Amino acid sequence: MGTLQHIQHQISALNDLIKVNNDRIAGYQKAAEGTDEAGLKTVFEGYIDQSRGYVNELNDYIHHLGGSPADGTTLSGKFYHAWMDVKAAFTKKDNHSVLSDCEYGEDVAKSAYRKALDDKELIWEDAKVVALLNSHLNGLKISHDAIKALRDSLKQEA
């Protein structure tokens, strides 16, 4: 792969991560709308802010590479959010279910970051971007574990 193709591949991979974070933002916005509990809304808003920060950092690096950042969501994210809308129309607002959906979203985001970091064609020559992606992945792991713990605590209360 030539240098220009390599850079384009990196830009594409980083844009995929932007789209995943945009999915995450949309998911947490739906989750905040799906609960009446102020504490959960605050948690969800914190994760929205986290993903917005990730998007800004990814945008900066894409600009550094000479690319144009993505601004949409993934196709699978659109289907997933449509499914959440349908599901919400037929079920009551259940915080346990909302948190289960959020945990699934965290799994998808972690998987996307792992894929970018493990892609053999994406030889990340800049240690800063590897550190950035690992930092995001670590943040997602922490978020996942917190969401899972919240979900499990609701199961125990039931």
Protein backbone atom coordinates (compact mmCIF):
# COMPACT_ATOMS: atom_id res chain seq x y z
CA MET A 1 0.00 0.00 0.00
CA GLY A 2 1.46 3.37 -1.03
CA THR A 3 1.83 6.27 1.36
CA LEU A 4 -1.22 8.15 0.04
CA GLN A 5 -3.36 5.00 0.18
CA HIS A 6 -2.06 4.32 3.68
CA ILE A 7 -3.06 7.81 4.83
CA GLN A 8 -6.49 7.44 3.19
CA HIS A 9 -6.95 4.10 4.97
CA GLN A 10 -6.08 5.75 8.30
CA ILE A 11 -8.50 8.62 7.61
CA SER A 12 -11.22 6.11 6.74
CA ALA A 13 -10.62 4.13 9.94
CA LEU A 14 -10.70 7.28 12.06
CA ASN A 15 -13.89 8.43 10.31
CA ASP A 16 -15.44 5.06 11.15
CA LEU A 17 -14.64 5.76 14.81
CA ILE A 18 -16.23 9.21 14.52
CA LYS A 19 -19.40 7.56 13.18
CA VAL A 20 -19.35 5.04 16.03
CA ASN A 21 -19.06 7.88 18.54
CA ASN A 22 -21.92 9.70 16.78
CA ASP A 23 -23.95 6.48 17.16
CA ARG A 24 -23.02 6.44 20.83
CA ILE A 25 -24.13 10.07 21.25
CA ALA A 26 -27.47 9.31 19.57
CA GLY A 27 -27.90 6.18 21.70
CA TYR A 28 -27.32 8.01 24.96
CA GLN A 29 -29.63 10.82 23.86
CA LYS A 30 -32.37 8.19 23.31
CA ALA A 31 -31.50 6.59 26.65
CA ALA A 32 -31.82 9.96 28.42
CA GLU A 33 -35.23 10.41 26.79
CA GLY A 34 -36.18 6.87 27.86
CA THR A 35 -35.78 7.38 31.60
CA ASP A 36 -37.39 9.62 34.16
CA GLU A 37 -34.56 9.11 36.65
CA ALA A 38 -32.44 12.26 36.97
CA GLY A 39 -29.35 10.35 38.08
CA LEU A 40 -29.37 8.19 34.97
CA LYS A 41 -29.94 11.21 32.75
CA THR A 42 -26.82 12.78 34.27
CA VAL A 43 -24.80 9.61 33.62
CA PHE A 44 -26.01 9.49 30.02
CA GLU A 45 -25.22 13.17 29.47
CA GLY A 46 -21.70 12.53 30.76
CA TYR A 47 -21.20 9.80 28.16
CA ILE A 48 -22.58 12.08 25.44
CA ASP A 49 -19.95 14.67 26.43
CA GLN A 50 -17.28 11.95 26.49
CA SER A 51 -18.06 10.91 22.91
CA ARG A 52 -18.20 14.53 21.75
CA GLY A 53 -14.71 14.95 23.17
CA TYR A 54 -13.56 11.80 21.37
CA VAL A 55 -15.03 13.11 18.10
CA ASN A 56 -13.19 16.42 18.52
CA GLU A 57 -9.89 14.63 19.11
CA LEU A 58 -10.43 12.35 16.10
CA ASN A 59 -11.38 15.37 13.96
CA ASP A 60 -8.13 17.09 14.92
CA TYR A 61 -6.06 14.08 13.91
CA ILE A 62 -7.92 13.65 10.61
CA HIS A 63 -7.22 17.32 9.82
CA HIS A 64 -3.57 16.68 10.71
CA LEU A 65 -3.55 13.88 8.10
CA GLY A 66 -5.11 16.24 5.53
CA GLY A 67 -8.54 14.59 5.53
CA SER A 68 -12.13 15.63 6.07
CA PRO A 69 -13.88 14.33 9.19
CA ALA A 70 -17.15 12.40 8.89
CA ASP A 71 -20.28 13.85 10.39
CA GLY A 72 -22.83 11.04 10.15
CA THR A 73 -23.54 7.75 11.86
CA THR A 74 -23.02 4.15 10.80
CA LEU A 75 -25.67 2.26 8.85
CA SER A 76 -25.84 -0.35 11.62
CA GLY A 77 -26.27 2.47 14.12
CA LYS A 78 -29.26 3.80 12.18
CA PHE A 79 -30.88 0.36 12.22
CA TYR A 80 -30.09 -0.09 15.91
CA HIS A 81 -31.63 3.28 16.85
CA ALA A 82 -34.70 2.53 14.73
CA TRP A 83 -35.04 -0.78 16.61
CA MET A 84 -34.76 1.10 19.93
CA ASP A 85 -37.60 3.40 18.77
CA VAL A 86 -39.83 0.44 17.83
CA LYS A 87 -38.99 -1.36 21.08
CA ALA A 88 -39.75 1.78 23.11
CA ALA A 89 -43.15 2.10 21.44
CA PHE A 90 -44.15 -1.37 22.66
CA THR A 91 -42.55 -1.52 26.10
CA LYS A 92 -42.72 0.59 29.21
CA LYS A 93 -39.83 2.80 30.19
CA ASP A 94 -37.70 0.25 32.01
CA ASN A 95 -34.30 1.46 33.23
CA HIS A 96 -32.90 -2.08 33.21
CA SER A 97 -33.72 -2.46 29.49
CA VAL A 98 -32.38 1.01 28.70
CA LEU A 99 -29.12 0.16 30.46
CA SER A 100 -28.92 -3.19 28.65
CA ASP A 101 -29.23 -1.32 25.35
CA CYS A 102 -26.50 1.09 26.48
CA GLU A 103 -24.23 -1.80 27.41
CA TYR A 104 -24.71 -3.25 23.93
CA GLY A 105 -23.75 0.13 22.45
CA GLU A 106 -20.59 0.20 24.58
CA ASP A 107 -19.68 -3.29 23.32
CA VAL A 108 -20.05 -2.11 19.72
CA ALA A 109 -17.89 0.97 20.35
CA LYS A 110 -15.15 -1.05 22.08
CA SER A 111 -15.16 -3.53 19.20
CA ALA A 112 -14.73 -0.75 16.63
CA TYR A 113 -11.72 0.66 18.49
CA ARG A 114 -10.17 -2.80 18.83
CA LYS A 115 -10.67 -3.38 15.10
CA ALA A 116 -8.90 -0.10 14.26
CA LEU A 117 -6.02 -0.85 16.62
CA ASP A 118 -5.64 -4.46 15.40
CA ASP A 119 -5.92 -3.78 11.65
CA LYS A 120 -2.65 -5.05 10.14
CA GLU A 121 -2.95 -2.65 7.19
CA LEU A 122 -3.20 0.33 9.54
CA ILE A 123 0.36 0.48 10.69
CA TRP A 124 -0.06 3.48 12.95
CA GLU A 125 3.30 5.21 12.62
CA ASP A 126 2.37 8.04 14.93
CA ALA A 127 2.53 6.92 18.56
CA LYS A 128 0.21 9.80 19.47
CA VAL A 129 -2.73 8.34 17.55
CA VAL A 130 -2.14 4.90 19.07
CA ALA A 131 -2.10 6.49 22.52
CA LEU A 132 -5.25 8.45 21.65
CA LEU A 133 -7.13 5.36 20.45
CA ASN A 134 -5.99 3.35 23.47
CA SER A 135 -7.10 6.19 25.75
CA HIS A 136 -10.54 6.21 24.11
CA LEU A 137 -10.76 2.42 24.36
CA ASN A 138 -9.86 2.53 28.05
CA GLY A 139 -12.54 5.19 28.60
CA LEU A 140 -15.07 3.00 26.80
CA LYS A 141 -14.13 0.01 28.96
CA ILE A 142 -14.71 2.09 32.09
CA SER A 143 -18.04 3.36 30.73
CA HIS A 144 -19.10 -0.18 29.82
CA ASP A 145 -18.29 -1.48 33.29
CA ALA A 146 -20.15 1.40 34.95
CA ILE A 147 -23.25 0.86 32.79
CA LYS A 148 -23.12 -2.88 33.47
CA ALA A 149 -22.82 -2.28 37.22
CA LEU A 150 -25.80 0.11 37.13
CA ARG A 151 -27.85 -2.41 35.16
CA ASP A 152 -26.91 -5.25 37.52
CA SER A 153 -27.77 -3.15 40.58
CA LEU A 154 -31.27 -2.60 39.16
CA LYS A 155 -31.66 -6.35 38.61
CA GLN A 156 -30.77 -6.99 42.25
CA GLU A 157 -33.29 -4.40 43.46
CA ALA A 158 -36.12 -6.00 41.47
